[in-house]
Amino acid sequence: SLQSYQCDWALAGGVSGTLPRRRGYLHREGSRLSPEGICRAFDADAAGTVFSNGLGVVVLRRLADALQDGNTIYAVIKGAALNNDGHDKLSFTAPSIQGQAEVISLAQAAAGIDPQTISYVETHGTGTQLGDPIEVAALTQAFRAGGDQRHGACALGSVKTQIGHPDAAAGVTGLIRAALG
């Protein structure tokens, strides 16, 4: 039964760490690594990402229970979705526009929200010349398919511009950034 998969509290997070902690890398033209050690997501000067160490954990709880117990609530997750664009991908490191647009639309539908009510999206945004345009195109496609005809009215951000790409901790780090605004 579905009941067996429910819980009262859950910890969700990710961690990524490498040793030695301070180390350099060899930049190669056309690679996903930044030539200057700076990640500039969605910037005209975007040239690549940098990797970082990180750890993030969030406590997940049913909204009704959190309200009843007077817990501090930083965000409410209304819906989520996942998919795999497998054979449609451009490469191992580059998802397809269609696959990204589909999962964004699925998440909006699961949340039961109108795309026009969304004013900010915390993105993957790695600052690569290949990945960022795919992400923007997918977001545009998904929002327009959902009836949102605004042009440039939804702000995009990526925590990677402040801390680099913390690999397995990237998702939860972005969630924390969006929740704390």
N, C-alpha and C. Protein backbone atom coordinates (compact mmCIF):
# COMPACT_ATOMS: atom_id res chain seq x y z
N SER A 1 0.84 -1.18 0.00
CA SER A 1 0.00 0.00 0.00
C SER A 1 0.88 1.24 0.00
N LEU A 2 0.32 2.35 -0.45
CA LEU A 2 1.05 3.62 -0.49
C LEU A 2 1.42 4.08 0.91
N GLN A 3 0.61 3.75 1.88
CA GLN A 3 0.86 4.16 3.26
C GLN A 3 2.24 3.71 3.75
N SER A 4 2.71 2.59 3.30
CA SER A 4 3.99 2.07 3.77
C SER A 4 5.18 2.92 3.29
N TYR A 5 4.96 3.81 2.32
CA TYR A 5 6.04 4.65 1.81
C TYR A 5 6.01 6.06 2.39
N GLN A 6 5.13 6.32 3.32
CA GLN A 6 5.03 7.65 3.90
C GLN A 6 5.78 7.70 5.22
N CYS A 7 6.18 8.89 5.61
CA CYS A 7 6.86 9.09 6.88
C CYS A 7 6.49 10.47 7.42
N ASP A 8 6.78 10.70 8.68
CA ASP A 8 6.44 11.97 9.29
C ASP A 8 7.51 13.03 9.03
N TRP A 9 8.75 12.65 8.96
CA TRP A 9 9.89 13.53 8.72
C TRP A 9 10.83 12.84 7.75
N ALA A 10 11.50 13.61 6.94
CA ALA A 10 12.52 13.04 6.05
C ALA A 10 13.66 14.04 5.92
N LEU A 11 14.86 13.53 5.87
CA LEU A 11 16.03 14.35 5.57
C LEU A 11 16.41 14.06 4.12
N ALA A 12 16.62 15.12 3.36
CA ALA A 12 17.03 14.95 1.96
C ALA A 12 18.23 15.86 1.73
N GLY A 13 19.23 15.34 1.06
CA GLY A 13 20.40 16.17 0.85
C GLY A 13 21.40 15.55 -0.09
N GLY A 14 22.53 16.18 -0.15
CA GLY A 14 23.62 15.70 -0.99
C GLY A 14 24.93 16.25 -0.47
N VAL A 15 25.99 15.55 -0.79
CA VAL A 15 27.32 15.97 -0.37
C VAL A 15 28.30 15.65 -1.48
N SER A 16 29.25 16.55 -1.65
CA SER A 16 30.30 16.34 -2.62
C SER A 16 31.58 16.92 -2.06
N GLY A 17 32.61 16.13 -2.01
CA GLY A 17 33.89 16.61 -1.51
C GLY A 17 35.03 15.90 -2.19
N THR A 18 36.07 16.65 -2.48
CA THR A 18 37.26 16.08 -3.10
C THR A 18 38.48 16.51 -2.30
N LEU A 19 39.48 15.69 -2.35
CA LEU A 19 40.75 15.98 -1.68
C LEU A 19 41.86 15.91 -2.71
N PRO A 20 42.85 16.72 -2.69
CA PRO A 20 43.00 17.81 -1.74
C PRO A 20 41.94 18.88 -2.00
N ARG A 21 41.59 19.61 -0.96
CA ARG A 21 40.52 20.59 -1.04
C ARG A 21 40.84 21.71 -2.03
N ARG A 22 42.03 22.19 -2.01
CA ARG A 22 42.43 23.24 -2.95
C ARG A 22 43.27 22.60 -4.04
N ARG A 23 42.76 22.63 -5.24
CA ARG A 23 43.50 22.08 -6.36
C ARG A 23 43.09 22.81 -7.63
N GLY A 24 43.93 22.79 -8.58
CA GLY A 24 43.65 23.45 -9.84
C GLY A 24 43.17 22.45 -10.87
N TYR A 25 43.01 22.94 -12.08
CA TYR A 25 42.63 22.08 -13.19
C TYR A 25 43.20 22.66 -14.47
N LEU A 26 43.32 21.82 -15.45
CA LEU A 26 43.83 22.23 -16.74
C LEU A 26 42.65 22.56 -17.64
N HIS A 27 42.55 23.80 -18.04
CA HIS A 27 41.46 24.22 -18.94
C HIS A 27 41.81 23.85 -20.37
N ARG A 28 40.84 23.30 -21.06
CA ARG A 28 40.98 23.01 -22.49
C ARG A 28 39.87 23.74 -23.22
N GLU A 29 40.21 24.43 -24.28
CA GLU A 29 39.22 25.17 -25.07
C GLU A 29 38.08 24.24 -25.48
N GLY A 30 36.86 24.69 -25.26
CA GLY A 30 35.69 23.90 -25.61
C GLY A 30 35.23 22.95 -24.52
N SER A 31 35.98 22.86 -23.41
CA SER A 31 35.57 21.97 -22.32
C SER A 31 34.52 22.66 -21.47
N ARG A 32 33.95 21.96 -20.51
CA ARG A 32 32.93 22.54 -19.66
C ARG A 32 33.51 23.33 -18.49
N LEU A 33 34.83 23.32 -18.34
CA LEU A 33 35.48 24.03 -17.24
C LEU A 33 35.81 25.47 -17.62
N SER A 34 35.59 26.38 -16.69
CA SER A 34 35.83 27.80 -16.90
C SER A 34 37.32 28.10 -17.09
N PRO A 35 37.67 28.94 -18.07
CA PRO A 35 39.08 29.28 -18.26
C PRO A 35 39.61 30.21 -17.17
N GLU A 36 38.74 30.89 -16.44
CA GLU A 36 39.18 31.85 -15.44
C GLU A 36 38.82 31.47 -14.01
N GLY A 37 38.20 30.31 -13.82
CA GLY A 37 37.84 29.88 -12.47
C GLY A 37 36.60 30.54 -11.92
N ILE A 38 35.74 31.07 -12.81
CA ILE A 38 34.49 31.74 -12.41
C ILE A 38 33.34 31.15 -13.22
N CYS A 39 32.24 30.87 -12.56
CA CYS A 39 31.04 30.38 -13.24
C CYS A 39 30.12 31.58 -13.46
N ARG A 40 29.74 31.81 -14.71
CA ARG A 40 28.88 32.94 -15.07
C ARG A 40 27.62 32.41 -15.76
N ALA A 41 26.73 31.82 -14.99
CA ALA A 41 25.51 31.26 -15.56
C ALA A 41 24.68 32.33 -16.24
N PHE A 42 24.22 32.05 -17.45
CA PHE A 42 23.34 32.91 -18.25
C PHE A 42 23.95 34.26 -18.58
N ASP A 43 25.25 34.36 -18.56
CA ASP A 43 25.96 35.59 -18.84
C ASP A 43 26.53 35.52 -20.25
N ALA A 44 26.58 36.66 -20.93
CA ALA A 44 27.16 36.69 -22.27
C ALA A 44 28.61 36.24 -22.26
N ASP A 45 29.30 36.42 -21.13
CA ASP A 45 30.69 36.01 -21.00
C ASP A 45 30.86 34.60 -20.43
N ALA A 46 29.77 33.84 -20.33
CA ALA A 46 29.84 32.48 -19.78
C ALA A 46 30.79 31.64 -20.63
N ALA A 47 31.70 30.96 -19.94
CA ALA A 47 32.69 30.14 -20.66
C ALA A 47 32.91 28.78 -20.00
N GLY A 48 32.16 28.49 -18.94
CA GLY A 48 32.32 27.20 -18.29
C GLY A 48 32.01 27.27 -16.80
N THR A 49 32.09 26.14 -16.18
CA THR A 49 31.78 26.03 -14.76
C THR A 49 33.04 25.74 -13.96
N VAL A 50 32.92 25.83 -12.66
CA VAL A 50 33.97 25.40 -11.73
C VAL A 50 33.31 24.46 -10.74
N PHE A 51 34.06 23.50 -10.26
CA PHE A 51 33.50 22.56 -9.31
C PHE A 51 33.88 22.96 -7.90
N SER A 52 33.03 22.59 -6.95
CA SER A 52 33.25 22.96 -5.55
C SER A 52 32.85 21.80 -4.65
N ASN A 53 33.24 21.91 -3.41
CA ASN A 53 32.80 20.97 -2.38
C ASN A 53 31.54 21.55 -1.75
N GLY A 54 30.65 20.70 -1.30
CA GLY A 54 29.45 21.22 -0.67
C GLY A 54 28.65 20.14 0.00
N LEU A 55 27.79 20.59 0.89
CA LEU A 55 26.88 19.70 1.60
C LEU A 55 25.62 20.49 1.89
N GLY A 56 24.50 19.89 1.68
CA GLY A 56 23.24 20.52 2.01
C GLY A 56 22.24 19.48 2.44
N VAL A 57 21.44 19.81 3.43
CA VAL A 57 20.40 18.90 3.92
C VAL A 57 19.17 19.74 4.25
N VAL A 58 18.00 19.25 3.88
CA VAL A 58 16.75 19.89 4.24
C VAL A 58 15.87 18.88 4.97
N VAL A 59 15.01 19.39 5.84
CA VAL A 59 14.02 18.57 6.52
C VAL A 59 12.72 18.71 5.76
N LEU A 60 12.15 17.59 5.36
CA LEU A 60 10.87 17.58 4.65
C LEU A 60 9.78 17.07 5.58
N ARG A 61 8.65 17.74 5.52
CA ARG A 61 7.54 17.38 6.40
C ARG A 61 6.24 17.75 5.72
N ARG A 62 5.18 17.01 5.98
CA ARG A 62 3.87 17.38 5.46
C ARG A 62 3.50 18.76 5.99
N LEU A 63 2.95 19.61 5.13
CA LEU A 63 2.63 20.98 5.50
C LEU A 63 1.67 21.04 6.68
N ALA A 64 0.64 20.23 6.67
CA ALA A 64 -0.34 20.26 7.76
C ALA A 64 0.32 19.95 9.10
N ASP A 65 1.21 18.98 9.13
CA ASP A 65 1.90 18.62 10.38
C ASP A 65 2.83 19.74 10.84
N ALA A 66 3.55 20.36 9.90
CA ALA A 66 4.46 21.44 10.24
C ALA A 66 3.69 22.64 10.79
N LEU A 67 2.56 22.96 10.18
CA LEU A 67 1.73 24.06 10.67
C LEU A 67 1.17 23.76 12.06
N GLN A 68 0.69 22.55 12.22
CA GLN A 68 0.12 22.14 13.51
C GLN A 68 1.14 22.24 14.64
N ASP A 69 2.40 21.88 14.36
CA ASP A 69 3.44 21.88 15.38
C ASP A 69 4.18 23.22 15.48
N GLY A 70 3.82 24.19 14.66
CA GLY A 70 4.46 25.50 14.72
C GLY A 70 5.88 25.53 14.20
N ASN A 71 6.23 24.60 13.31
CA ASN A 71 7.58 24.57 12.73
C ASN A 71 7.81 25.79 11.83
N THR A 72 9.05 26.23 11.74
CA THR A 72 9.41 27.28 10.79
C THR A 72 9.38 26.66 9.40
N ILE A 73 8.69 27.32 8.49
CA ILE A 73 8.56 26.80 7.12
C ILE A 73 9.24 27.79 6.18
N TYR A 74 10.25 27.32 5.46
CA TYR A 74 10.97 28.17 4.52
C TYR A 74 10.42 28.07 3.11
N ALA A 75 9.83 26.93 2.77
CA ALA A 75 9.29 26.73 1.43
C ALA A 75 8.31 25.57 1.47
N VAL A 76 7.43 25.56 0.49
CA VAL A 76 6.48 24.47 0.32
C VAL A 76 6.72 23.89 -1.07
N ILE A 77 7.00 22.61 -1.12
CA ILE A 77 7.19 21.92 -2.40
C ILE A 77 5.82 21.42 -2.83
N LYS A 78 5.29 22.03 -3.89
CA LYS A 78 3.94 21.69 -4.34
C LYS A 78 3.91 20.53 -5.32
N GLY A 79 5.02 20.27 -5.99
CA GLY A 79 5.04 19.19 -6.96
C GLY A 79 6.46 18.93 -7.42
N ALA A 80 6.68 17.78 -7.97
CA ALA A 80 8.00 17.40 -8.48
C ALA A 80 7.81 16.46 -9.66
N ALA A 81 8.83 16.33 -10.46
CA ALA A 81 8.77 15.42 -11.60
C ALA A 81 10.19 15.00 -11.97
N LEU A 82 10.28 13.88 -12.65
CA LEU A 82 11.56 13.43 -13.19
C LEU A 82 11.32 12.68 -14.48
N ASN A 83 12.33 12.67 -15.30
CA ASN A 83 12.27 11.91 -16.54
C ASN A 83 13.69 11.57 -16.97
N ASN A 84 13.81 10.93 -18.10
CA ASN A 84 15.11 10.59 -18.67
C ASN A 84 14.99 10.79 -20.16
N ASP A 85 15.75 11.74 -20.68
CA ASP A 85 15.66 12.01 -22.12
C ASP A 85 16.61 11.14 -22.94
N GLY A 86 17.26 10.20 -22.26
CA GLY A 86 18.09 9.17 -22.87
C GLY A 86 18.56 9.39 -24.29
N HIS A 87 17.89 8.78 -25.24
CA HIS A 87 18.35 8.80 -26.63
C HIS A 87 18.17 10.16 -27.31
N ASP A 88 17.44 11.09 -26.69
CA ASP A 88 17.25 12.41 -27.29
C ASP A 88 18.34 13.40 -26.91
N LYS A 89 19.21 13.03 -25.95
CA LYS A 89 20.25 13.93 -25.48
C LYS A 89 21.24 14.28 -26.59
N LEU A 90 21.78 15.48 -26.48
CA LEU A 90 22.83 15.89 -27.41
C LEU A 90 24.13 15.16 -27.11
N SER A 91 24.40 14.97 -25.81
CA SER A 91 25.59 14.24 -25.38
C SER A 91 25.38 13.84 -23.92
N PHE A 92 26.35 13.16 -23.34
CA PHE A 92 26.24 12.76 -21.95
C PHE A 92 26.06 13.96 -21.03
N THR A 93 26.71 15.06 -21.35
CA THR A 93 26.66 16.24 -20.49
C THR A 93 25.64 17.28 -20.94
N ALA A 94 24.90 17.03 -22.01
CA ALA A 94 23.95 18.02 -22.52
C ALA A 94 22.59 17.38 -22.75
N PRO A 95 21.60 17.76 -21.94
CA PRO A 95 20.25 17.21 -22.12
C PRO A 95 19.59 17.78 -23.37
N SER A 96 18.49 17.18 -23.76
CA SER A 96 17.74 17.69 -24.89
C SER A 96 16.78 18.79 -24.43
N ILE A 97 16.49 19.71 -25.32
CA ILE A 97 15.51 20.75 -25.01
C ILE A 97 14.16 20.11 -24.72
N GLN A 98 13.75 19.16 -25.55
CA GLN A 98 12.44 18.52 -25.38
C GLN A 98 12.34 17.79 -24.04
N GLY A 99 13.38 17.06 -23.66
CA GLY A 99 13.36 16.34 -22.39
C GLY A 99 13.26 17.28 -21.20
N GLN A 100 14.03 18.38 -21.26
CA GLN A 100 13.97 19.38 -20.19
C GLN A 100 12.60 20.04 -20.13
N ALA A 101 12.06 20.45 -21.29
CA ALA A 101 10.75 21.10 -21.33
C ALA A 101 9.67 20.18 -20.78
N GLU A 102 9.77 18.90 -21.12
CA GLU A 102 8.77 17.94 -20.66
C GLU A 102 8.76 17.81 -19.14
N VAL A 103 9.93 17.70 -18.52
CA VAL A 103 9.98 17.52 -17.07
C VAL A 103 9.55 18.81 -16.34
N ILE A 104 9.86 19.96 -16.91
CA ILE A 104 9.41 21.23 -16.32
C ILE A 104 7.88 21.29 -16.37
N SER A 105 7.30 20.95 -17.50
CA SER A 105 5.84 20.94 -17.64
C SER A 105 5.20 19.93 -16.69
N LEU A 106 5.81 18.76 -16.54
CA LEU A 106 5.29 17.75 -15.61
C LEU A 106 5.30 18.26 -14.18
N ALA A 107 6.37 18.95 -13.78
CA ALA A 107 6.46 19.50 -12.42
C ALA A 107 5.40 20.57 -12.20
N GLN A 108 5.20 21.43 -13.19
CA GLN A 108 4.16 22.46 -13.08
C GLN A 108 2.79 21.82 -12.95
N ALA A 109 2.53 20.79 -13.73
CA ALA A 109 1.23 20.10 -13.67
C ALA A 109 1.06 19.39 -12.33
N ALA A 110 2.09 18.73 -11.84
CA ALA A 110 2.01 18.04 -10.54
C ALA A 110 1.73 19.03 -9.42
N ALA A 111 2.27 20.23 -9.55
CA ALA A 111 2.07 21.27 -8.54
C ALA A 111 0.70 21.93 -8.68
N GLY A 112 0.08 21.77 -9.85
CA GLY A 112 -1.21 22.40 -10.08
C GLY A 112 -1.11 23.92 -10.13
N ILE A 113 -0.02 24.42 -10.71
CA ILE A 113 0.18 25.86 -10.76
C ILE A 113 0.22 26.37 -12.20
N ASP A 114 -0.17 27.61 -12.35
CA ASP A 114 -0.14 28.29 -13.63
C ASP A 114 1.26 28.88 -13.81
N PRO A 115 1.93 28.60 -14.93
CA PRO A 115 3.27 29.13 -15.14
C PRO A 115 3.35 30.66 -15.00
N GLN A 116 2.26 31.35 -15.27
CA GLN A 116 2.27 32.82 -15.17
C GLN A 116 2.43 33.30 -13.74
N THR A 117 2.23 32.42 -12.76
CA THR A 117 2.38 32.81 -11.35
C THR A 117 3.82 32.64 -10.86
N ILE A 118 4.69 32.09 -11.69
CA ILE A 118 6.08 31.85 -11.31
C ILE A 118 6.92 33.07 -11.69
N SER A 119 7.61 33.64 -10.71
CA SER A 119 8.41 34.84 -10.98
C SER A 119 9.92 34.56 -10.91
N TYR A 120 10.31 33.38 -10.39
CA TYR A 120 11.73 33.05 -10.27
C TYR A 120 11.91 31.55 -10.43
N VAL A 121 12.95 31.16 -11.16
CA VAL A 121 13.32 29.76 -11.31
C VAL A 121 14.79 29.62 -10.94
N GLU A 122 15.06 28.79 -9.93
CA GLU A 122 16.44 28.42 -9.59
C GLU A 122 16.81 27.30 -10.54
N THR A 123 17.78 27.53 -11.37
CA THR A 123 18.10 26.63 -12.46
C THR A 123 19.35 25.80 -12.19
N HIS A 124 19.64 24.90 -13.10
CA HIS A 124 20.89 24.16 -13.05
C HIS A 124 22.03 25.11 -13.41
N GLY A 125 21.87 25.89 -14.46
CA GLY A 125 22.75 26.96 -14.88
C GLY A 125 24.22 26.84 -14.57
N THR A 126 24.95 26.12 -15.38
CA THR A 126 26.37 25.89 -15.10
C THR A 126 27.30 26.91 -15.76
N GLY A 127 26.75 27.81 -16.55
CA GLY A 127 27.62 28.79 -17.19
C GLY A 127 28.37 28.25 -18.38
N THR A 128 27.86 27.20 -19.00
CA THR A 128 28.50 26.67 -20.20
C THR A 128 27.77 27.17 -21.43
N GLN A 129 28.51 27.33 -22.51
CA GLN A 129 27.91 27.84 -23.74
C GLN A 129 26.97 26.84 -24.39
N LEU A 130 27.05 25.59 -24.02
CA LEU A 130 26.13 24.57 -24.53
C LEU A 130 24.92 24.40 -23.61
N GLY A 131 25.16 24.25 -22.32
CA GLY A 131 24.08 23.91 -21.39
C GLY A 131 23.10 25.02 -21.09
N ASP A 132 23.58 26.24 -20.86
CA ASP A 132 22.68 27.33 -20.50
C ASP A 132 21.65 27.64 -21.59
N PRO A 133 22.04 27.74 -22.87
CA PRO A 133 21.03 27.98 -23.91
C PRO A 133 19.99 26.86 -24.01
N ILE A 134 20.40 25.62 -23.78
CA ILE A 134 19.44 24.51 -23.79
C ILE A 134 18.44 24.70 -22.66
N GLU A 135 18.93 25.07 -21.49
CA GLU A 135 18.05 25.26 -20.34
C GLU A 135 17.07 26.40 -20.56
N VAL A 136 17.54 27.51 -21.10
CA VAL A 136 16.65 28.65 -21.38
C VAL A 136 15.61 28.27 -22.43
N ALA A 137 16.02 27.58 -23.47
CA ALA A 137 15.08 27.16 -24.51
C ALA A 137 14.02 26.22 -23.95
N ALA A 138 14.44 25.30 -23.08
CA ALA A 138 13.50 24.35 -22.48
C ALA A 138 12.52 25.07 -21.55
N LEU A 139 13.01 25.98 -20.74
CA LEU A 139 12.13 26.76 -19.86
C LEU A 139 11.13 27.57 -20.68
N THR A 140 11.61 28.21 -21.73
CA THR A 140 10.73 29.00 -22.60
C THR A 140 9.65 28.12 -23.20
N GLN A 141 10.05 26.97 -23.72
CA GLN A 141 9.09 26.04 -24.33
C GLN A 141 8.06 25.57 -23.31
N ALA A 142 8.49 25.19 -22.14
CA ALA A 142 7.57 24.68 -21.11
C ALA A 142 6.62 25.77 -20.62
N PHE A 143 7.14 26.95 -20.39
CA PHE A 143 6.28 28.03 -19.90
C PHE A 143 5.27 28.45 -20.96
N ARG A 144 5.68 28.50 -22.20
CA ARG A 144 4.75 28.89 -23.27
C ARG A 144 3.71 27.79 -23.52
N ALA A 145 4.11 26.53 -23.39
CA ALA A 145 3.15 25.43 -23.55
C ALA A 145 2.11 25.48 -22.44
N GLY A 146 2.49 26.00 -21.28
CA GLY A 146 1.57 26.13 -20.16
C GLY A 146 0.71 27.38 -20.22
N GLY A 147 0.79 28.11 -21.33
CA GLY A 147 -0.05 29.28 -21.51
C GLY A 147 0.61 30.59 -21.11
N ASP A 148 1.86 30.56 -20.72
CA ASP A 148 2.56 31.77 -20.30
C ASP A 148 3.15 32.44 -21.54
N GLN A 149 2.62 33.58 -21.91
CA GLN A 149 3.09 34.26 -23.11
C GLN A 149 3.95 35.48 -22.80
N ARG A 150 4.37 35.62 -21.54
CA ARG A 150 5.25 36.74 -21.17
C ARG A 150 6.59 36.60 -21.90
N HIS A 151 7.21 37.69 -22.08
CA HIS A 151 8.54 37.68 -22.71
C HIS A 151 9.54 38.28 -21.72
N GLY A 152 10.41 37.43 -21.16
CA GLY A 152 11.45 37.89 -20.27
C GLY A 152 10.96 38.28 -18.88
N ALA A 153 9.82 37.77 -18.45
CA ALA A 153 9.25 38.20 -17.18
C ALA A 153 9.57 37.28 -16.01
N CYS A 154 10.28 36.20 -16.23
CA CYS A 154 10.60 35.27 -15.15
C CYS A 154 12.11 35.29 -14.92
N ALA A 155 12.50 35.65 -13.70
CA ALA A 155 13.93 35.72 -13.37
C ALA A 155 14.53 34.33 -13.26
N LEU A 156 15.76 34.19 -13.72
CA LEU A 156 16.50 32.93 -13.62
C LEU A 156 17.72 33.16 -12.74
N GLY A 157 18.07 32.14 -11.97
CA GLY A 157 19.27 32.22 -11.16
C GLY A 157 19.90 30.85 -11.03
N SER A 158 21.15 30.85 -10.59
CA SER A 158 21.86 29.61 -10.35
C SER A 158 22.85 29.84 -9.22
N VAL A 159 22.75 29.03 -8.18
CA VAL A 159 23.66 29.15 -7.04
C VAL A 159 25.11 28.92 -7.46
N LYS A 160 25.30 28.27 -8.58
CA LYS A 160 26.66 27.97 -9.04
C LYS A 160 27.47 29.22 -9.32
N THR A 161 26.82 30.35 -9.59
CA THR A 161 27.57 31.58 -9.82
C THR A 161 28.21 32.08 -8.53
N GLN A 162 27.69 31.66 -7.37
CA GLN A 162 28.28 32.06 -6.10
C GLN A 162 29.26 31.03 -5.54
N ILE A 163 28.94 29.74 -5.69
CA ILE A 163 29.74 28.72 -5.02
C ILE A 163 30.37 27.69 -5.95
N GLY A 164 30.13 27.78 -7.24
CA GLY A 164 30.59 26.75 -8.15
C GLY A 164 29.59 25.60 -8.18
N HIS A 165 29.96 24.52 -8.84
CA HIS A 165 29.08 23.36 -9.01
C HIS A 165 29.43 22.29 -7.96
N PRO A 166 28.60 22.16 -6.93
CA PRO A 166 28.91 21.18 -5.89
C PRO A 166 28.44 19.76 -6.23
N ASP A 167 28.37 19.44 -7.51
CA ASP A 167 28.09 18.09 -7.99
C ASP A 167 26.87 17.47 -7.32
N ALA A 168 27.01 16.45 -6.51
CA ALA A 168 25.88 15.75 -5.91
C ALA A 168 25.10 16.61 -4.92
N ALA A 169 25.66 17.71 -4.49
CA ALA A 169 24.97 18.62 -3.58
C ALA A 169 24.31 19.79 -4.33
N ALA A 170 24.38 19.80 -5.65
CA ALA A 170 23.87 20.93 -6.43
C ALA A 170 22.36 21.10 -6.30
N GLY A 171 21.61 20.03 -6.37
CA GLY A 171 20.16 20.14 -6.30
C GLY A 171 19.66 20.70 -4.98
N VAL A 172 20.13 20.15 -3.88
CA VAL A 172 19.68 20.62 -2.57
C VAL A 172 20.20 22.02 -2.29
N THR A 173 21.38 22.35 -2.79
CA THR A 173 21.92 23.69 -2.60
C THR A 173 21.05 24.71 -3.32
N GLY A 174 20.61 24.39 -4.53
CA GLY A 174 19.70 25.27 -5.26
C GLY A 174 18.36 25.41 -4.57
N LEU A 175 17.85 24.31 -4.01
CA LEU A 175 16.59 24.35 -3.26
C LEU A 175 16.72 25.28 -2.05
N ILE A 176 17.81 25.16 -1.33
CA ILE A 176 18.04 26.01 -0.15
C ILE A 176 18.12 27.47 -0.57
N ARG A 177 18.84 27.75 -1.64
CA ARG A 177 18.96 29.14 -2.11
C ARG A 177 17.60 29.70 -2.48
N ALA A 178 16.80 28.94 -3.21
CA ALA A 178 15.47 29.41 -3.60
C ALA A 178 14.57 29.61 -2.38
N ALA A 179 14.67 28.72 -1.42
CA ALA A 179 13.83 28.83 -0.21
C ALA A 179 14.20 30.03 0.65
N LEU A 180 15.48 30.35 0.70
CA LEU A 180 15.91 31.47 1.52
C LEU A 180 15.84 32.81 0.79
N GLY A 181 15.60 32.72 -0.54
CA GLY A 181 15.40 33.93 -1.35
C GLY A 181 16.56 34.81 -1.36
